[in-house]
PDB file of N, CA and C in Angstrom:
ATOM      1  N   UNK A   1     -14.078   5.416  42.668  1.00  0.00           N
ATOM      2  CA  UNK A   1     -13.608   5.778  41.338  1.00  0.00           C
ATOM      3  C   UNK A   1     -12.150   5.341  41.187  1.00  0.00           C
ATOM      4  N   UNK A   2     -11.891   4.563  40.152  1.00  0.00           N
ATOM      5  CA  UNK A   2     -10.540   4.100  39.878  1.00  0.00           C
ATOM      6  C   UNK A   2      -9.920   4.968  38.794  1.00  0.00           C
ATOM      7  N   UNK A   3      -8.715   5.404  39.035  1.00  0.00           N
ATOM      8  CA  UNK A   3      -8.041   6.274  38.079  1.00  0.00           C
ATOM      9  C   UNK A   3      -6.931   5.496  37.365  1.00  0.00           C
ATOM     10  N   UNK A   4      -6.899   5.597  36.062  1.00  0.00           N
ATOM     11  CA  UNK A   4      -5.890   4.910  35.265  1.00  0.00           C
ATOM     12  C   UNK A   4      -4.527   5.569  35.453  1.00  0.00           C
ATOM     13  N   UNK A   5      -3.489   4.762  35.480  1.00  0.00           N
ATOM     14  CA  UNK A   5      -2.130   5.272  35.629  1.00  0.00           C
ATOM     15  C   UNK A   5      -1.403   5.411  34.299  1.00  0.00           C
ATOM     16  N   UNK A   6      -2.075   5.090  33.196  1.00  0.00           N
ATOM     17  CA  UNK A   6      -1.422   5.120  31.898  1.00  0.00           C
ATOM     18  C   UNK A   6      -1.848   6.328  31.067  1.00  0.00           C
ATOM     19  N   UNK A   7      -1.841   7.473  31.655  1.00  0.00           N
ATOM     20  CA  UNK A   7      -2.251   8.668  30.933  1.00  0.00           C
ATOM     21  C   UNK A   7      -1.259   9.008  29.823  1.00  0.00           C
ATOM     22  N   UNK A   8      -1.755   9.193  28.649  1.00  0.00           N
ATOM     23  CA  UNK A   8      -1.010   9.649  27.472  1.00  0.00           C
ATOM     24  C   UNK A   8       0.048   8.676  26.957  1.00  0.00           C
ATOM     25  N   UNK A   9       0.131   7.475  27.480  1.00  0.00           N
ATOM     26  CA  UNK A   9       1.160   6.529  27.031  1.00  0.00           C
ATOM     27  C   UNK A   9       0.999   6.216  25.548  1.00  0.00           C
ATOM     28  N   UNK A  10      -0.202   5.917  25.090  1.00  0.00           N
ATOM     29  CA  UNK A  10      -0.425   5.605  23.677  1.00  0.00           C
ATOM     30  C   UNK A  10      -0.031   6.777  22.786  1.00  0.00           C
ATOM     31  N   UNK A  11      -0.392   7.972  23.191  1.00  0.00           N
ATOM     32  CA  UNK A  11      -0.065   9.164  22.411  1.00  0.00           C
ATOM     33  C   UNK A  11       1.443   9.382  22.354  1.00  0.00           C
ATOM     34  N   UNK A  12       2.116   9.187  23.469  1.00  0.00           N
ATOM     35  CA  UNK A  12       3.573   9.371  23.505  1.00  0.00           C
ATOM     36  C   UNK A  12       4.280   8.319  22.647  1.00  0.00           C
ATOM     37  N   UNK A  13       3.817   7.062  22.700  1.00  0.00           N
ATOM     38  CA  UNK A  13       4.416   6.018  21.862  1.00  0.00           C
ATOM     39  C   UNK A  13       4.186   6.294  20.380  1.00  0.00           C
ATOM     40  N   UNK A  14       3.002   6.759  20.033  1.00  0.00           N
ATOM     41  CA  UNK A  14       2.699   7.113  18.649  1.00  0.00           C
ATOM     42  C   UNK A  14       3.608   8.247  18.183  1.00  0.00           C
ATOM     43  N   UNK A  15       3.733   9.271  19.001  1.00  0.00           N
ATOM     44  CA  UNK A  15       4.601  10.402  18.654  1.00  0.00           C
ATOM     45  C   UNK A  15       6.047   9.941  18.483  1.00  0.00           C
ATOM     46  N   UNK A  16       6.514   9.056  19.357  1.00  0.00           N
ATOM     47  CA  UNK A  16       7.886   8.542  19.250  1.00  0.00           C
ATOM     48  C   UNK A  16       8.098   7.773  17.950  1.00  0.00           C
ATOM     49  N   UNK A  17       7.144   6.912  17.571  1.00  0.00           N
ATOM     50  CA  UNK A  17       7.282   6.150  16.332  1.00  0.00           C
ATOM     51  C   UNK A  17       7.352   7.073  15.118  1.00  0.00           C
ATOM     52  N   UNK A  18       6.493   8.071  15.088  1.00  0.00           N
ATOM     53  CA  UNK A  18       6.481   9.008  13.968  1.00  0.00           C
ATOM     54  C   UNK A  18       7.772   9.822  13.941  1.00  0.00           C
ATOM     55  N   UNK A  19       8.198  10.287  15.097  1.00  0.00           N
ATOM     56  CA  UNK A  19       9.449  11.058  15.181  1.00  0.00           C
ATOM     57  C   UNK A  19      10.633  10.236  14.678  1.00  0.00           C
ATOM     58  N   UNK A  20      10.746   8.994  15.152  1.00  0.00           N
ATOM     59  CA  UNK A  20      11.862   8.136  14.741  1.00  0.00           C
ATOM     60  C   UNK A  20      11.849   7.883  13.243  1.00  0.00           C
ATOM     61  N   UNK A  21      10.675   7.631  12.689  1.00  0.00           N
ATOM     62  CA  UNK A  21      10.574   7.390  11.246  1.00  0.00           C
ATOM     63  C   UNK A  21      10.970   8.639  10.460  1.00  0.00           C
ATOM     64  N   UNK A  22      10.521   9.804  10.912  1.00  0.00           N
ATOM     65  CA  UNK A  22      10.879  11.047  10.230  1.00  0.00           C
ATOM     66  C   UNK A  22      12.368  11.345  10.347  1.00  0.00           C
ATOM     67  N   UNK A  23      12.985  10.889  11.432  1.00  0.00           N
ATOM     68  CA  UNK A  23      14.416  11.109  11.647  1.00  0.00           C
ATOM     69  C   UNK A  23      15.274  10.124  10.851  1.00  0.00           C
ATOM     70  N   UNK A  24      14.627   9.201  10.140  1.00  0.00           N
ATOM     71  CA  UNK A  24      15.355   8.278   9.292  1.00  0.00           C
ATOM     72  C   UNK A  24      15.672   6.931   9.917  1.00  0.00           C
ATOM     73  N   UNK A  25      15.152   6.676  11.106  1.00  0.00           N
ATOM     74  CA  UNK A  25      15.358   5.369  11.723  1.00  0.00           C
ATOM     75  C   UNK A  25      14.609   4.337  10.883  1.00  0.00           C
ATOM     76  N   UNK A  26      15.286   3.299  10.475  1.00  0.00           N
ATOM     77  CA  UNK A  26      14.683   2.324   9.564  1.00  0.00           C
ATOM     78  C   UNK A  26      13.954   1.193  10.270  1.00  0.00           C
ATOM     79  N   UNK A  27      14.328   0.869  11.494  1.00  0.00           N
ATOM     80  CA  UNK A  27      13.705  -0.242  12.210  1.00  0.00           C
ATOM     81  C   UNK A  27      13.188   0.225  13.564  1.00  0.00           C
ATOM     82  N   UNK A  28      11.892   0.056  13.766  1.00  0.00           N
ATOM     83  CA  UNK A  28      11.238   0.443  15.012  1.00  0.00           C
ATOM     84  C   UNK A  28      10.581  -0.803  15.590  1.00  0.00           C
ATOM     85  N   UNK A  29      10.743  -1.000  16.885  1.00  0.00           N
ATOM     86  CA  UNK A  29      10.124  -2.143  17.562  1.00  0.00           C
ATOM     87  C   UNK A  29       9.161  -1.617  18.628  1.00  0.00           C
ATOM     88  N   UNK A  30       7.965  -2.126  18.608  1.00  0.00           N
ATOM     89  CA  UNK A  30       6.928  -1.740  19.556  1.00  0.00           C
ATOM     90  C   UNK A  30       6.496  -2.976  20.333  1.00  0.00           C
ATOM     91  N   UNK A  31       6.536  -2.899  21.644  1.00  0.00           N
ATOM     92  CA  UNK A  31       6.105  -4.015  22.480  1.00  0.00           C
ATOM     93  C   UNK A  31       4.760  -3.639  23.093  1.00  0.00           C
ATOM     94  N   UNK A  32       3.707  -4.079  22.430  1.00  0.00           N
ATOM     95  CA  UNK A  32       2.349  -3.783  22.874  1.00  0.00           C
ATOM     96  C   UNK A  32       1.355  -4.513  21.978  1.00  0.00           C
ATOM     97  N   UNK A  33       0.228  -4.862  22.531  1.00  0.00           N
ATOM     98  CA  UNK A  33      -0.857  -5.455  21.731  1.00  0.00           C
ATOM     99  C   UNK A  33      -2.010  -4.472  21.551  1.00  0.00           C
ATOM    100  N   UNK A  34      -1.792  -3.235  21.900  1.00  0.00           N
ATOM    101  CA  UNK A  34      -2.840  -2.226  21.890  1.00  0.00           C
ATOM    102  C   UNK A  34      -3.157  -1.746  20.474  1.00  0.00           C
ATOM    103  N   UNK A  35      -4.403  -1.894  20.052  1.00  0.00           N
ATOM    104  CA  UNK A  35      -4.827  -1.439  18.725  1.00  0.00           C
ATOM    105  C   UNK A  35      -4.776   0.080  18.576  1.00  0.00           C
ATOM    106  N   UNK A  36      -4.796   0.800  19.687  1.00  0.00           N
ATOM    107  CA  UNK A  36      -4.765   2.264  19.619  1.00  0.00           C
ATOM    108  C   UNK A  36      -3.471   2.789  19.010  1.00  0.00           C
ATOM    109  N   UNK A  37      -2.455   1.965  18.961  1.00  0.00           N
ATOM    110  CA  UNK A  37      -1.163   2.397  18.438  1.00  0.00           C
ATOM    111  C   UNK A  37      -1.062   2.238  16.926  1.00  0.00           C
ATOM    112  N   UNK A  38      -2.113   1.725  16.303  1.00  0.00           N
ATOM    113  CA  UNK A  38      -2.056   1.465  14.874  1.00  0.00           C
ATOM    114  C   UNK A  38      -1.806   2.724  14.046  1.00  0.00           C
ATOM    115  N   UNK A  39      -2.323   3.853  14.461  1.00  0.00           N
ATOM    116  CA  UNK A  39      -2.085   5.098  13.719  1.00  0.00           C
ATOM    117  C   UNK A  39      -0.587   5.387  13.640  1.00  0.00           C
ATOM    118  N   UNK A  40       0.115   5.225  14.739  1.00  0.00           N
ATOM    119  CA  UNK A  40       1.562   5.448  14.756  1.00  0.00           C
ATOM    120  C   UNK A  40       2.313   4.410  13.943  1.00  0.00           C
ATOM    121  N   UNK A  41       1.882   3.156  14.045  1.00  0.00           N
ATOM    122  CA  UNK A  41       2.514   2.079  13.282  1.00  0.00           C
ATOM    123  C   UNK A  41       2.381   2.364  11.788  1.00  0.00           C
ATOM    124  N   UNK A  42       1.185   2.624  11.357  1.00  0.00           N
ATOM    125  CA  UNK A  42       0.902   2.865   9.932  1.00  0.00           C
ATOM    126  C   UNK A  42       1.652   4.090   9.420  1.00  0.00           C
ATOM    127  N   UNK A  43       1.662   5.158  10.198  1.00  0.00           N
ATOM    128  CA  UNK A  43       2.353   6.378   9.784  1.00  0.00           C
ATOM    129  C   UNK A  43       3.853   6.143   9.675  1.00  0.00           C
ATOM    130  N   UNK A  44       4.427   5.443  10.638  1.00  0.00           N
ATOM    131  CA  UNK A  44       5.862   5.134  10.592  1.00  0.00           C
ATOM    132  C   UNK A  44       6.199   4.309   9.348  1.00  0.00           C
ATOM    133  N   UNK A  45       5.347   3.360   9.007  1.00  0.00           N
ATOM    134  CA  UNK A  45       5.558   2.549   7.807  1.00  0.00           C
ATOM    135  C   UNK A  45       5.495   3.430   6.557  1.00  0.00           C
ATOM    136  N   UNK A  46       4.503   4.304   6.495  1.00  0.00           N
ATOM    137  CA  UNK A  46       4.378   5.195   5.340  1.00  0.00           C
ATOM    138  C   UNK A  46       5.571   6.137   5.208  1.00  0.00           C
ATOM    139  N   UNK A  47       6.229   6.433   6.323  1.00  0.00           N
ATOM    140  CA  UNK A  47       7.410   7.292   6.312  1.00  0.00           C
ATOM    141  C   UNK A  47       8.692   6.510   6.016  1.00  0.00           C
ATOM    142  N   UNK A  48       8.564   5.205   5.803  1.00  0.00           N
ATOM    143  CA  UNK A  48       9.712   4.405   5.387  1.00  0.00           C
ATOM    144  C   UNK A  48      10.320   3.499   6.439  1.00  0.00           C
ATOM    145  N   UNK A  49       9.775   3.482   7.638  1.00  0.00           N
ATOM    146  CA  UNK A  49      10.316   2.619   8.685  1.00  0.00           C
ATOM    147  C   UNK A  49       9.739   1.209   8.575  1.00  0.00           C
ATOM    148  N   UNK A  50      10.497   0.256   9.038  1.00  0.00           N
ATOM    149  CA  UNK A  50      10.003  -1.110   9.220  1.00  0.00           C
ATOM    150  C   UNK A  50       9.606  -1.229  10.683  1.00  0.00           C
ATOM    151  N   UNK A  51       8.384  -1.640  10.942  1.00  0.00           N
ATOM    152  CA  UNK A  51       7.888  -1.728  12.312  1.00  0.00           C
ATOM    153  C   UNK A  51       7.659  -3.185  12.676  1.00  0.00           C
ATOM    154  N   UNK A  52       8.254  -3.589  13.785  1.00  0.00           N
ATOM    155  CA  UNK A  52       8.003  -4.904  14.355  1.00  0.00           C
ATOM    156  C   UNK A  52       7.188  -4.695  15.620  1.00  0.00           C
ATOM    157  N   UNK A  53       6.016  -5.298  15.655  1.00  0.00           N
ATOM    158  CA  UNK A  53       5.165  -5.218  16.841  1.00  0.00           C
ATOM    159  C   UNK A  53       5.244  -6.544  17.579  1.00  0.00           C
ATOM    160  N   UNK A  54       5.655  -6.482  18.824  1.00  0.00           N
ATOM    161  CA  UNK A  54       5.712  -7.669  19.660  1.00  0.00           C
ATOM    162  C   UNK A  54       4.489  -7.657  20.561  1.00  0.00           C
ATOM    163  N   UNK A  55       3.638  -8.636  20.357  1.00  0.00           N
ATOM    164  CA  UNK A  55       2.401  -8.716  21.130  1.00  0.00           C
ATOM    165  C   UNK A  55       2.680  -9.295  22.514  1.00  0.00           C
ATOM    166  N   UNK A  56       2.085  -8.687  23.499  1.00  0.00           N
ATOM    167  CA  UNK A  56       2.253  -9.128  24.882  1.00  0.00           C
ATOM    168  C   UNK A  56       1.076  -9.961  25.357  1.00  0.00           C
ATOM    169  N   UNK A  57       0.053 -10.044  24.537  1.00  0.00           N
ATOM    170  CA  UNK A  57      -1.127 -10.829  24.889  1.00  0.00           C
ATOM    171  C   UNK A  57      -1.139 -12.108  24.059  1.00  0.00           C
ATOM    172  N   UNK A  58      -1.182 -13.275  24.703  1.00  0.00           N
ATOM    173  CA  UNK A  58      -1.163 -14.545  23.959  1.00  0.00           C
ATOM    174  C   UNK A  58      -2.300 -14.630  22.939  1.00  0.00           C
ATOM    175  N   UNK A  59      -1.964 -15.082  21.733  1.00  0.00           N
ATOM    176  CA  UNK A  59      -2.969 -15.273  20.692  1.00  0.00           C
ATOM    177  C   UNK A  59      -3.430 -14.010  20.008  1.00  0.00           C
ATOM    178  N   UNK A  60      -2.883 -12.873  20.351  1.00  0.00           N
ATOM    179  CA  UNK A  60      -3.307 -11.610  19.765  1.00  0.00           C
ATOM    180  C   UNK A  60      -2.583 -11.366  18.455  1.00  0.00           C
ATOM    181  N   UNK A  61      -3.303 -10.988  17.432  1.00  0.00           N
ATOM    182  CA  UNK A  61      -2.727 -10.638  16.136  1.00  0.00           C
ATOM    183  C   UNK A  61      -3.292  -9.304  15.684  1.00  0.00           C
ATOM    184  N   UNK A  62      -2.670  -8.761  14.673  1.00  0.00           N
ATOM    185  CA  UNK A  62      -3.165  -7.536  14.061  1.00  0.00           C
ATOM    186  C   UNK A  62      -4.565  -7.775  13.526  1.00  0.00           C
ATOM    187  N   UNK A  63      -5.479  -6.902  13.858  1.00  0.00           N
ATOM    188  CA  UNK A  63      -6.859  -7.034  13.387  1.00  0.00           C
ATOM    189  C   UNK A  63      -6.893  -7.041  11.859  1.00  0.00           C
ATOM    190  N   UNK A  64      -7.775  -7.840  11.303  1.00  0.00           N
ATOM    191  CA  UNK A  64      -7.859  -8.023   9.848  1.00  0.00           C
ATOM    192  C   UNK A  64      -8.045  -6.701   9.107  1.00  0.00           C
ATOM    193  N   UNK A  65      -8.856  -5.799   9.639  1.00  0.00           N
ATOM    194  CA  UNK A  65      -9.081  -4.549   8.921  1.00  0.00           C
ATOM    195  C   UNK A  65      -7.859  -3.637   8.950  1.00  0.00           C
ATOM    196  N   UNK A  66      -6.921  -3.842   9.870  1.00  0.00           N
ATOM    197  CA  UNK A  66      -5.657  -3.108   9.846  1.00  0.00           C
ATOM    198  C   UNK A  66      -4.665  -3.791   8.900  1.00  0.00           C
ATOM    199  N   UNK A  67      -4.734  -5.099   8.836  1.00  0.00           N
ATOM    200  CA  UNK A  67      -3.760  -5.878   8.074  1.00  0.00           C
ATOM    201  C   UNK A  67      -3.852  -5.626   6.569  1.00  0.00           C
ATOM    202  N   UNK A  68      -5.040  -5.291   6.079  1.00  0.00           N
ATOM    203  CA  UNK A  68      -5.186  -5.034   4.646  1.00  0.00           C
ATOM    204  C   UNK A  68      -4.312  -3.852   4.232  1.00  0.00           C
ATOM    205  N   UNK A  69      -3.447  -4.096   3.294  1.00  0.00           N
ATOM    206  CA  UNK A  69      -2.635  -3.014   2.747  1.00  0.00           C
ATOM    207  C   UNK A  69      -1.477  -2.570   3.612  1.00  0.00           C
ATOM    208  N   UNK A  70      -1.135  -3.313   4.648  1.00  0.00           N
ATOM    209  CA  UNK A  70      -0.053  -2.880   5.520  1.00  0.00           C
ATOM    210  C   UNK A  70       1.303  -2.981   4.821  1.00  0.00           C
ATOM    211  N   UNK A  71       1.460  -3.927   3.929  1.00  0.00           N
ATOM    212  CA  UNK A  71       2.690  -4.046   3.165  1.00  0.00           C
ATOM    213  C   UNK A  71       3.818  -4.731   3.915  1.00  0.00           C
ATOM    214  N   UNK A  72       4.985  -4.758   3.286  1.00  0.00           N
ATOM    215  CA  UNK A  72       6.114  -5.495   3.849  1.00  0.00           C
ATOM    216  C   UNK A  72       6.810  -4.803   5.008  1.00  0.00           C
ATOM    217  N   UNK A  73       6.450  -3.584   5.330  1.00  0.00           N
ATOM    218  CA  UNK A  73       7.118  -2.858   6.403  1.00  0.00           C
ATOM    219  C   UNK A  73       6.649  -3.227   7.797  1.00  0.00           C
ATOM    220  N   UNK A  74       5.784  -4.222   7.905  1.00  0.00           N
ATOM    221  CA  UNK A  74       5.218  -4.582   9.208  1.00  0.00           C
ATOM    222  C   UNK A  74       5.438  -6.055   9.499  1.00  0.00           C
ATOM    223  N   UNK A  75       5.901  -6.342  10.714  1.00  0.00           N
ATOM    224  CA  UNK A  75       6.085  -7.699  11.188  1.00  0.00           C
ATOM    225  C   UNK A  75       5.489  -7.783  12.586  1.00  0.00           C
ATOM    226  N   UNK A  76       4.831  -8.882  12.880  1.00  0.00           N
ATOM    227  CA  UNK A  76       4.352  -9.057  14.248  1.00  0.00           C
ATOM    228  C   UNK A  76       4.897 -10.351  14.816  1.00  0.00           C
ATOM    229  N   UNK A  77       5.212 -10.300  16.091  1.00  0.00           N
ATOM    230  CA  UNK A  77       5.734 -11.455  16.800  1.00  0.00           C
ATOM    231  C   UNK A  77       4.975 -11.580  18.113  1.00  0.00           C
ATOM    232  N   UNK A  78       5.098 -12.730  18.717  1.00  0.00           N
ATOM    233  CA  UNK A  78       4.409 -12.956  19.981  1.00  0.00           C
ATOM    234  C   UNK A  78       5.405 -13.246  21.084  1.00  0.00           C
ATOM    235  N   UNK A  79       5.201 -12.619  22.192  1.00  0.00           N
ATOM    236  CA  UNK A  79       6.088 -12.726  23.354  1.00  0.00           C
ATOM    237  C   UNK A  79       5.890 -14.056  24.028  1.00  0.00           C
TER     238      UNK A  79
END
């Protein structure tokens, strides 16, 4: 049995993005290609933050169904 070492990382990153946006931070940068973080990204944008997601996986982009309606508060870049 293999045990994952990344327990709660996605949840903690999501909480941090939401906290920062609520605290008035205008620019948030996330370095991850994980789709699980989209809830935090979207919430931070709705709270007024600009989120830049830096993808760590070559050729990875925001999934089309997330991209609809994301608005100008989201930018993605590739590492």
